[in-house]
C-alpha cells in the first residue's frame, strides 16, 4: 500500500499507539465505500468531529461480495481505500478481511466507534464490544437517503 495514509494492521497499530501517547482521541468508522458518494463524505466528516484521528476500516473485496451480493464490489479494495484516504477528514485507512469490524475494534480500542444514521446507538452490532473496553458508540452523518445500491440501480436503469 503506497499511500502513507493507507496502512496494514501492524502499521496502523503503531500509528495509533503514537497518536494515543500524545493524548489524541481516536475514532473508528467502517464500511464498504464501494461507490463513494456524498453520504459517505458526510458520515466521515461527522466521525472526524468526534476526535483527533479518524481511522476508516474498509471491508475487503471478499467481505463486500458476501455482504452485498453478486457484482459487488464495483471497485477493488485498494481503489476504495485510495478514494477514502483522499478525503480531508480521514487520517488513516485500513482494509479488513474479517466478517465484522469487531477484531479491528478490539485491536485498536478507539475512543469512539462512529456509525451512520441507519443505526441507533442500541442497534449497532458492535456496541457490546466497544463498551467492553470503555469506548462509546456515536451515530453521525446525514439521514440515510444515499446508498451505493440506489446509485447502481439508477445507473442500471439508464443504460
N, C-alpha and C. Protein backbone atom coordinates (compact mmCIF):
# COMPACT_ATOMS: atom_id res chain seq x y z
N UNK A 1 0.86 -1.18 0.00
CA UNK A 1 0.00 0.00 0.00
C UNK A 1 0.90 1.23 0.00
N UNK A 2 0.84 2.00 -1.07
CA UNK A 2 1.80 3.09 -1.25
C UNK A 2 1.40 4.38 -0.54
N UNK A 3 0.14 4.72 -0.48
CA UNK A 3 -0.29 5.94 0.19
C UNK A 3 0.04 5.82 1.68
N UNK A 4 0.70 6.83 2.21
CA UNK A 4 1.13 6.77 3.61
C UNK A 4 -0.03 6.78 4.59
N UNK A 5 -1.22 7.04 4.11
CA UNK A 5 -2.40 7.02 4.99
C UNK A 5 -3.15 5.69 4.90
N UNK A 6 -2.76 4.85 3.96
CA UNK A 6 -3.36 3.52 3.83
C UNK A 6 -2.38 2.52 4.45
N UNK A 7 -2.81 1.92 5.56
CA UNK A 7 -1.89 1.12 6.37
C UNK A 7 -2.39 -0.29 6.57
N UNK A 8 -1.43 -1.23 6.68
CA UNK A 8 -1.82 -2.57 7.08
C UNK A 8 -2.03 -2.56 8.60
N UNK A 9 -2.50 -3.64 9.13
CA UNK A 9 -2.87 -3.69 10.55
C UNK A 9 -1.69 -3.35 11.47
N UNK A 10 -0.52 -3.92 11.21
CA UNK A 10 0.63 -3.66 12.08
C UNK A 10 1.07 -2.20 12.04
N UNK A 11 1.11 -1.62 10.84
CA UNK A 11 1.48 -0.20 10.71
C UNK A 11 0.45 0.67 11.44
N UNK A 12 -0.80 0.33 11.29
CA UNK A 12 -1.87 1.10 11.91
C UNK A 12 -1.76 1.05 13.44
N UNK A 13 -1.49 -0.11 13.98
CA UNK A 13 -1.35 -0.24 15.44
C UNK A 13 -0.25 0.71 15.94
N UNK A 14 0.88 0.76 15.25
CA UNK A 14 1.97 1.65 15.65
C UNK A 14 1.56 3.11 15.60
N UNK A 15 0.90 3.50 14.51
CA UNK A 15 0.49 4.91 14.37
C UNK A 15 -0.53 5.29 15.45
N UNK A 16 -1.44 4.39 15.77
CA UNK A 16 -2.45 4.68 16.79
C UNK A 16 -1.80 4.77 18.17
N UNK A 17 -0.85 3.88 18.44
CA UNK A 17 -0.12 3.96 19.72
C UNK A 17 0.60 5.29 19.83
N UNK A 18 1.24 5.74 18.75
CA UNK A 18 1.94 7.03 18.76
C UNK A 18 0.96 8.18 19.01
N UNK A 19 -0.16 8.16 18.30
CA UNK A 19 -1.16 9.23 18.45
C UNK A 19 -1.72 9.24 19.87
N UNK A 20 -2.02 8.06 20.37
CA UNK A 20 -2.60 7.96 21.72
C UNK A 20 -1.61 8.47 22.78
N UNK A 21 -0.32 8.25 22.57
CA UNK A 21 0.70 8.69 23.53
C UNK A 21 0.75 10.21 23.64
N UNK A 22 0.24 10.92 22.64
CA UNK A 22 0.20 12.38 22.68
C UNK A 22 -1.16 12.89 23.16
N UNK A 23 -2.03 11.97 23.55
CA UNK A 23 -3.35 12.36 24.06
C UNK A 23 -4.43 12.45 23.00
N UNK A 24 -4.13 12.00 21.80
CA UNK A 24 -5.12 12.09 20.71
C UNK A 24 -6.32 11.18 21.00
N UNK A 25 -7.49 11.68 20.60
CA UNK A 25 -8.73 10.92 20.71
C UNK A 25 -8.94 10.18 19.39
N UNK A 26 -9.10 8.86 19.45
CA UNK A 26 -9.17 8.01 18.26
C UNK A 26 -10.62 7.66 17.95
N UNK A 27 -11.00 7.81 16.68
CA UNK A 27 -12.34 7.46 16.20
C UNK A 27 -12.18 6.42 15.09
N UNK A 28 -13.04 5.42 15.10
CA UNK A 28 -13.06 4.42 14.03
C UNK A 28 -14.42 4.44 13.36
N UNK A 29 -14.40 4.53 12.04
CA UNK A 29 -15.60 4.39 11.21
C UNK A 29 -15.31 3.23 10.25
N UNK A 30 -16.35 2.59 9.75
CA UNK A 30 -16.11 1.49 8.83
C UNK A 30 -17.23 1.36 7.83
N UNK A 31 -16.93 0.64 6.74
CA UNK A 31 -17.93 0.40 5.72
C UNK A 31 -17.31 -0.16 4.46
N UNK A 32 -18.16 -0.38 3.46
CA UNK A 32 -17.70 -0.90 2.17
C UNK A 32 -17.16 0.21 1.28
N UNK A 33 -17.83 1.36 1.25
CA UNK A 33 -17.43 2.51 0.44
C UNK A 33 -17.20 2.10 -1.01
N UNK A 34 -18.15 1.32 -1.54
CA UNK A 34 -17.98 0.74 -2.87
C UNK A 34 -18.03 1.79 -3.97
N UNK A 35 -18.96 2.68 -3.94
CA UNK A 35 -19.01 3.82 -4.85
C UNK A 35 -19.16 5.04 -3.95
N UNK A 36 -18.08 5.79 -3.80
CA UNK A 36 -18.06 6.91 -2.86
C UNK A 36 -19.12 7.94 -3.25
N UNK A 37 -19.93 8.35 -2.27
CA UNK A 37 -20.98 9.34 -2.52
C UNK A 37 -21.06 10.32 -1.36
N UNK A 38 -21.91 11.32 -1.49
CA UNK A 38 -21.99 12.40 -0.51
C UNK A 38 -22.36 11.89 0.88
N UNK A 39 -23.15 10.84 0.97
CA UNK A 39 -23.49 10.27 2.28
C UNK A 39 -22.24 9.78 3.00
N UNK A 40 -21.32 9.16 2.25
CA UNK A 40 -20.06 8.71 2.84
C UNK A 40 -19.24 9.90 3.33
N UNK A 41 -19.15 10.94 2.51
CA UNK A 41 -18.37 12.12 2.86
C UNK A 41 -18.91 12.75 4.14
N UNK A 42 -20.22 12.87 4.24
CA UNK A 42 -20.83 13.48 5.43
C UNK A 42 -20.67 12.59 6.66
N UNK A 43 -20.78 11.29 6.49
CA UNK A 43 -20.57 10.34 7.59
C UNK A 43 -19.15 10.47 8.14
N UNK A 44 -18.17 10.48 7.24
CA UNK A 44 -16.78 10.54 7.69
C UNK A 44 -16.43 11.91 8.27
N UNK A 45 -16.99 12.97 7.74
CA UNK A 45 -16.76 14.30 8.31
C UNK A 45 -17.35 14.36 9.72
N UNK A 46 -18.53 13.81 9.90
CA UNK A 46 -19.15 13.77 11.22
C UNK A 46 -18.34 12.94 12.20
N UNK A 47 -17.78 11.84 11.72
CA UNK A 47 -16.96 10.98 12.57
C UNK A 47 -15.70 11.72 13.01
N UNK A 48 -15.07 12.44 12.12
CA UNK A 48 -13.83 13.15 12.44
C UNK A 48 -14.06 14.22 13.50
N UNK A 49 -15.24 14.81 13.50
CA UNK A 49 -15.55 15.85 14.51
C UNK A 49 -15.51 15.30 15.93
N UNK A 50 -15.57 13.98 16.08
CA UNK A 50 -15.61 13.36 17.41
C UNK A 50 -14.22 13.09 17.98
N UNK A 51 -13.17 13.35 17.21
CA UNK A 51 -11.84 13.07 17.71
C UNK A 51 -10.75 13.72 16.89
N UNK A 52 -9.52 13.32 17.22
CA UNK A 52 -8.34 13.90 16.58
C UNK A 52 -7.84 13.07 15.41
N UNK A 53 -8.05 11.76 15.49
CA UNK A 53 -7.59 10.83 14.47
C UNK A 53 -8.77 9.99 14.03
N UNK A 54 -9.04 9.99 12.72
CA UNK A 54 -10.11 9.16 12.18
C UNK A 54 -9.51 8.03 11.37
N UNK A 55 -9.76 6.81 11.85
CA UNK A 55 -9.36 5.60 11.14
C UNK A 55 -10.61 5.06 10.44
N UNK A 56 -10.47 4.73 9.17
CA UNK A 56 -11.59 4.14 8.43
C UNK A 56 -11.21 2.71 8.05
N UNK A 57 -12.02 1.77 8.52
CA UNK A 57 -11.86 0.38 8.16
C UNK A 57 -12.73 0.08 6.96
N UNK A 58 -12.12 -0.45 5.90
CA UNK A 58 -12.84 -0.76 4.66
C UNK A 58 -12.92 -2.27 4.51
N UNK A 59 -14.12 -2.77 4.26
CA UNK A 59 -14.31 -4.21 4.06
C UNK A 59 -13.54 -4.67 2.82
N UNK A 60 -12.91 -5.84 2.94
CA UNK A 60 -12.19 -6.43 1.81
C UNK A 60 -13.17 -6.78 0.69
N UNK A 61 -12.64 -7.04 -0.48
CA UNK A 61 -13.47 -7.43 -1.62
C UNK A 61 -14.31 -8.66 -1.31
N UNK A 62 -13.70 -9.65 -0.69
CA UNK A 62 -14.42 -10.88 -0.34
C UNK A 62 -15.60 -10.59 0.59
N UNK A 63 -15.38 -9.73 1.56
CA UNK A 63 -16.45 -9.43 2.51
C UNK A 63 -17.55 -8.57 1.87
N UNK A 64 -17.18 -7.66 0.98
CA UNK A 64 -18.19 -6.86 0.28
C UNK A 64 -19.07 -7.78 -0.56
N UNK A 65 -18.46 -8.72 -1.26
CA UNK A 65 -19.23 -9.67 -2.07
C UNK A 65 -20.19 -10.47 -1.19
N UNK A 66 -19.72 -10.88 -0.04
CA UNK A 66 -20.56 -11.65 0.88
C UNK A 66 -21.72 -10.80 1.42
N UNK A 67 -21.42 -9.55 1.74
CA UNK A 67 -22.43 -8.66 2.32
C UNK A 67 -23.43 -8.13 1.28
N UNK A 68 -22.92 -7.79 0.09
CA UNK A 68 -23.74 -7.07 -0.89
C UNK A 68 -24.23 -7.92 -2.06
N UNK A 69 -23.59 -9.08 -2.29
CA UNK A 69 -24.07 -9.96 -3.34
C UNK A 69 -23.30 -9.88 -4.64
N UNK A 70 -23.87 -10.54 -5.63
CA UNK A 70 -23.23 -10.67 -6.94
C UNK A 70 -22.95 -9.30 -7.56
N UNK A 71 -21.81 -9.19 -8.20
CA UNK A 71 -21.44 -7.95 -8.88
C UNK A 71 -20.80 -6.91 -7.99
N UNK A 72 -20.65 -7.20 -6.74
CA UNK A 72 -20.05 -6.26 -5.81
C UNK A 72 -18.80 -6.87 -5.23
N UNK A 73 -17.79 -6.10 -4.95
CA UNK A 73 -17.74 -4.65 -5.10
C UNK A 73 -17.57 -4.23 -6.56
N UNK A 74 -17.93 -3.01 -6.83
CA UNK A 74 -17.74 -2.43 -8.15
C UNK A 74 -16.26 -2.07 -8.32
N UNK A 75 -15.66 -1.56 -7.26
CA UNK A 75 -14.24 -1.17 -7.29
C UNK A 75 -13.46 -2.03 -6.30
N UNK A 76 -12.23 -2.39 -6.65
CA UNK A 76 -11.43 -3.19 -5.73
C UNK A 76 -11.04 -2.41 -4.47
N UNK A 77 -10.75 -3.14 -3.42
CA UNK A 77 -10.47 -2.55 -2.11
C UNK A 77 -9.37 -1.49 -2.17
N UNK A 78 -8.30 -1.75 -2.90
CA UNK A 78 -7.20 -0.78 -2.96
C UNK A 78 -7.66 0.56 -3.52
N UNK A 79 -8.54 0.54 -4.52
CA UNK A 79 -9.05 1.79 -5.09
C UNK A 79 -10.03 2.47 -4.14
N UNK A 80 -10.87 1.67 -3.48
CA UNK A 80 -11.79 2.24 -2.49
C UNK A 80 -11.00 2.90 -1.37
N UNK A 81 -9.93 2.25 -0.93
CA UNK A 81 -9.08 2.80 0.13
C UNK A 81 -8.42 4.11 -0.31
N UNK A 82 -7.95 4.15 -1.54
CA UNK A 82 -7.31 5.36 -2.05
C UNK A 82 -8.28 6.53 -2.09
N UNK A 83 -9.50 6.29 -2.54
CA UNK A 83 -10.50 7.35 -2.57
C UNK A 83 -10.82 7.85 -1.17
N UNK A 84 -11.07 6.94 -0.24
CA UNK A 84 -11.41 7.34 1.13
C UNK A 84 -10.23 8.08 1.77
N UNK A 85 -9.01 7.61 1.54
CA UNK A 85 -7.83 8.25 2.12
C UNK A 85 -7.64 9.67 1.60
N UNK A 86 -8.19 9.97 0.43
CA UNK A 86 -8.03 11.31 -0.14
C UNK A 86 -8.93 12.35 0.53
N UNK A 87 -9.89 11.90 1.32
CA UNK A 87 -10.80 12.83 1.99
C UNK A 87 -10.09 13.55 3.14
N UNK A 88 -10.33 14.84 3.24
CA UNK A 88 -9.69 15.67 4.26
C UNK A 88 -9.95 15.17 5.68
N UNK A 89 -11.11 14.64 5.93
CA UNK A 89 -11.48 14.23 7.29
C UNK A 89 -10.79 12.94 7.74
N UNK A 90 -10.23 12.18 6.81
CA UNK A 90 -9.69 10.85 7.11
C UNK A 90 -8.20 10.93 7.41
N UNK A 91 -7.80 10.31 8.51
CA UNK A 91 -6.39 10.26 8.89
C UNK A 91 -5.73 9.00 8.33
N UNK A 92 -6.33 7.84 8.61
CA UNK A 92 -5.78 6.56 8.16
C UNK A 92 -6.89 5.67 7.65
N UNK A 93 -6.51 4.79 6.70
CA UNK A 93 -7.42 3.80 6.15
C UNK A 93 -6.76 2.44 6.25
N UNK A 94 -7.55 1.44 6.58
CA UNK A 94 -7.06 0.07 6.56
C UNK A 94 -8.14 -0.83 5.98
N UNK A 95 -7.73 -1.88 5.33
CA UNK A 95 -8.67 -2.84 4.76
C UNK A 95 -8.72 -4.03 5.70
N UNK A 96 -9.93 -4.44 6.07
CA UNK A 96 -10.03 -5.61 6.95
C UNK A 96 -10.80 -6.73 6.27
N UNK A 97 -10.37 -7.95 6.55
CA UNK A 97 -10.92 -9.11 5.87
C UNK A 97 -11.85 -9.94 6.74
N UNK A 98 -11.97 -9.59 8.02
CA UNK A 98 -12.87 -10.33 8.89
C UNK A 98 -14.32 -10.00 8.53
N UNK A 99 -15.26 -10.90 8.85
CA UNK A 99 -16.67 -10.66 8.51
C UNK A 99 -17.27 -9.44 9.20
N UNK A 100 -16.74 -9.07 10.37
CA UNK A 100 -17.23 -7.87 11.08
C UNK A 100 -16.03 -7.03 11.49
N UNK A 101 -16.29 -5.84 11.96
CA UNK A 101 -15.24 -4.92 12.38
C UNK A 101 -14.80 -5.17 13.83
N UNK A 102 -15.36 -6.19 14.48
CA UNK A 102 -15.08 -6.42 15.90
C UNK A 102 -13.60 -6.60 16.20
N UNK A 103 -12.88 -7.38 15.41
CA UNK A 103 -11.46 -7.62 15.70
C UNK A 103 -10.66 -6.33 15.59
N UNK A 104 -10.98 -5.50 14.60
CA UNK A 104 -10.29 -4.21 14.44
C UNK A 104 -10.58 -3.33 15.66
N UNK A 105 -11.81 -3.33 16.12
CA UNK A 105 -12.16 -2.57 17.32
C UNK A 105 -11.36 -3.05 18.53
N UNK A 106 -11.28 -4.35 18.72
CA UNK A 106 -10.55 -4.90 19.87
C UNK A 106 -9.05 -4.65 19.77
N UNK A 107 -8.55 -4.59 18.56
CA UNK A 107 -7.12 -4.34 18.36
C UNK A 107 -6.78 -2.87 18.63
N UNK A 108 -7.59 -1.96 18.09
CA UNK A 108 -7.29 -0.53 18.19
C UNK A 108 -7.89 0.14 19.43
N UNK A 109 -9.00 -0.41 19.92
CA UNK A 109 -9.72 0.17 21.06
C UNK A 109 -9.92 1.69 20.90
N UNK A 110 -10.58 2.09 19.81
CA UNK A 110 -10.80 3.53 19.61
C UNK A 110 -11.70 4.09 20.71
N UNK A 111 -11.53 5.37 20.99
CA UNK A 111 -12.37 6.03 21.99
C UNK A 111 -13.82 6.05 21.53
N UNK A 112 -14.01 6.21 20.21
CA UNK A 112 -15.35 6.29 19.65
C UNK A 112 -15.44 5.40 18.41
N UNK A 113 -16.54 4.66 18.34
CA UNK A 113 -16.87 3.89 17.13
C UNK A 113 -18.04 4.61 16.49
N UNK A 114 -17.81 5.23 15.33
CA UNK A 114 -18.84 6.04 14.67
C UNK A 114 -19.56 5.20 13.62
N UNK A 115 -20.88 5.24 13.67
CA UNK A 115 -21.72 4.53 12.70
C UNK A 115 -22.68 5.54 12.07
N UNK A 116 -23.21 5.17 10.92
CA UNK A 116 -24.12 6.05 10.18
C UNK A 116 -25.52 6.05 10.75
N UNK A 117 -26.34 6.92 10.20
CA UNK A 117 -27.70 7.14 10.73
C UNK A 117 -28.68 6.02 10.39
N UNK A 118 -28.20 4.98 9.71
CA UNK A 118 -29.07 3.82 9.51
C UNK A 118 -29.06 2.95 10.78
N UNK A 119 -28.29 3.37 11.79
CA UNK A 119 -28.25 2.71 13.09
C UNK A 119 -28.72 3.67 14.18
N UNK A 120 -29.03 3.12 15.34
CA UNK A 120 -29.14 3.89 16.57
C UNK A 120 -28.06 3.34 17.48
N UNK A 121 -27.76 4.02 18.57
CA UNK A 121 -26.72 3.53 19.47
C UNK A 121 -27.04 2.12 19.97
N UNK A 122 -28.30 1.80 20.08
CA UNK A 122 -28.69 0.47 20.58
C UNK A 122 -28.73 -0.61 19.51
N UNK A 123 -28.70 -0.23 18.23
CA UNK A 123 -28.74 -1.26 17.17
C UNK A 123 -27.38 -1.51 16.52
N UNK A 124 -26.35 -0.79 16.94
CA UNK A 124 -25.01 -1.02 16.40
C UNK A 124 -24.56 -2.41 16.82
N UNK A 125 -24.27 -3.29 15.84
CA UNK A 125 -23.95 -4.68 16.18
C UNK A 125 -22.74 -4.82 17.11
N UNK A 126 -21.79 -3.91 17.01
CA UNK A 126 -20.56 -4.00 17.78
C UNK A 126 -20.61 -3.25 19.11
N UNK A 127 -21.77 -2.76 19.50
CA UNK A 127 -21.84 -1.91 20.70
C UNK A 127 -21.31 -2.58 21.96
N UNK A 128 -21.57 -3.87 22.15
CA UNK A 128 -21.08 -4.57 23.35
C UNK A 128 -19.56 -4.65 23.34
N UNK A 129 -18.97 -4.88 22.18
CA UNK A 129 -17.52 -4.94 22.06
C UNK A 129 -16.91 -3.59 22.42
N UNK A 130 -17.48 -2.52 21.88
CA UNK A 130 -16.97 -1.17 22.13
C UNK A 130 -17.07 -0.85 23.62
N UNK A 131 -18.20 -1.15 24.21
CA UNK A 131 -18.40 -0.88 25.64
C UNK A 131 -17.49 -1.73 26.51
N UNK A 132 -17.11 -2.92 26.03
CA UNK A 132 -16.29 -3.85 26.82
C UNK A 132 -14.92 -3.27 27.15
N UNK A 133 -14.39 -2.38 26.31
CA UNK A 133 -13.09 -1.78 26.61
C UNK A 133 -13.21 -0.31 27.02
N UNK A 134 -14.44 0.16 27.24
CA UNK A 134 -14.64 1.52 27.72
C UNK A 134 -14.85 2.56 26.64
N UNK A 135 -15.02 2.13 25.39
CA UNK A 135 -15.29 3.08 24.31
C UNK A 135 -16.76 3.43 24.25
N UNK A 136 -17.09 4.33 23.34
CA UNK A 136 -18.50 4.67 23.15
C UNK A 136 -18.86 4.63 21.67
N UNK A 137 -20.14 4.40 21.42
CA UNK A 137 -20.68 4.38 20.07
C UNK A 137 -21.34 5.73 19.82
N UNK A 138 -21.15 6.27 18.61
CA UNK A 138 -21.79 7.53 18.24
C UNK A 138 -22.39 7.38 16.84
N UNK A 139 -23.53 7.99 16.65
CA UNK A 139 -24.21 7.99 15.35
C UNK A 139 -23.96 9.34 14.69
N UNK A 140 -23.44 9.32 13.46
CA UNK A 140 -23.07 10.56 12.77
C UNK A 140 -23.51 10.52 11.31
N UNK A 141 -23.50 11.68 10.69
CA UNK A 141 -23.83 11.78 9.28
C UNK A 141 -25.24 12.27 9.06
N UNK A 142 -25.59 12.39 7.80
CA UNK A 142 -26.92 12.86 7.46
C UNK A 142 -27.87 11.68 7.34
N UNK A 143 -29.16 11.94 7.21
CA UNK A 143 -30.11 10.82 7.08
C UNK A 143 -29.70 9.89 5.94
N UNK A 144 -29.96 8.62 6.12
CA UNK A 144 -29.52 7.60 5.16
C UNK A 144 -30.43 7.63 3.92
N UNK A 145 -30.25 8.66 3.10
CA UNK A 145 -31.02 8.70 1.85
C UNK A 145 -30.09 8.67 0.64
N UNK A 146 -28.87 8.20 0.88
CA UNK A 146 -27.91 7.97 -0.20
C UNK A 146 -27.41 6.54 -0.02
N UNK A 147 -27.27 5.81 -1.10
CA UNK A 147 -26.67 4.48 -1.00
C UNK A 147 -26.07 4.09 -2.33
N UNK A 148 -25.01 3.29 -2.24
CA UNK A 148 -24.39 2.78 -3.45
C UNK A 148 -25.39 1.93 -4.23
N UNK A 149 -26.16 1.11 -3.53
CA UNK A 149 -27.15 0.26 -4.22
C UNK A 149 -28.13 1.10 -5.03
N UNK A 150 -28.61 2.20 -4.45
CA UNK A 150 -29.55 3.06 -5.18
C UNK A 150 -28.88 3.72 -6.38
N UNK A 151 -27.64 4.14 -6.21
CA UNK A 151 -26.91 4.75 -7.33
C UNK A 151 -26.73 3.73 -8.45
N UNK A 152 -26.32 2.51 -8.10
CA UNK A 152 -26.13 1.48 -9.12
C UNK A 152 -27.45 1.13 -9.81
N UNK A 153 -28.52 1.14 -9.06
CA UNK A 153 -29.82 0.87 -9.64
C UNK A 153 -30.21 1.95 -10.66
N UNK A 154 -29.95 3.21 -10.30
CA UNK A 154 -30.26 4.32 -11.21
C UNK A 154 -29.39 4.23 -12.46
N UNK A 155 -28.11 3.91 -12.29
CA UNK A 155 -27.22 3.78 -13.44
C UNK A 155 -27.70 2.65 -14.35
N UNK A 156 -28.05 1.52 -13.74
CA UNK A 156 -28.54 0.37 -14.50
C UNK A 156 -29.79 0.68 -15.29
N UNK A 157 -30.62 1.56 -14.77
CA UNK A 157 -31.86 1.94 -15.45
C UNK A 157 -31.64 2.87 -16.62
N UNK A 158 -30.43 3.43 -16.75
CA UNK A 158 -30.16 4.40 -17.82
C UNK A 158 -29.19 3.87 -18.85
N UNK A 159 -28.98 2.57 -18.88
CA UNK A 159 -28.04 2.02 -19.87
C UNK A 159 -28.67 1.93 -21.24
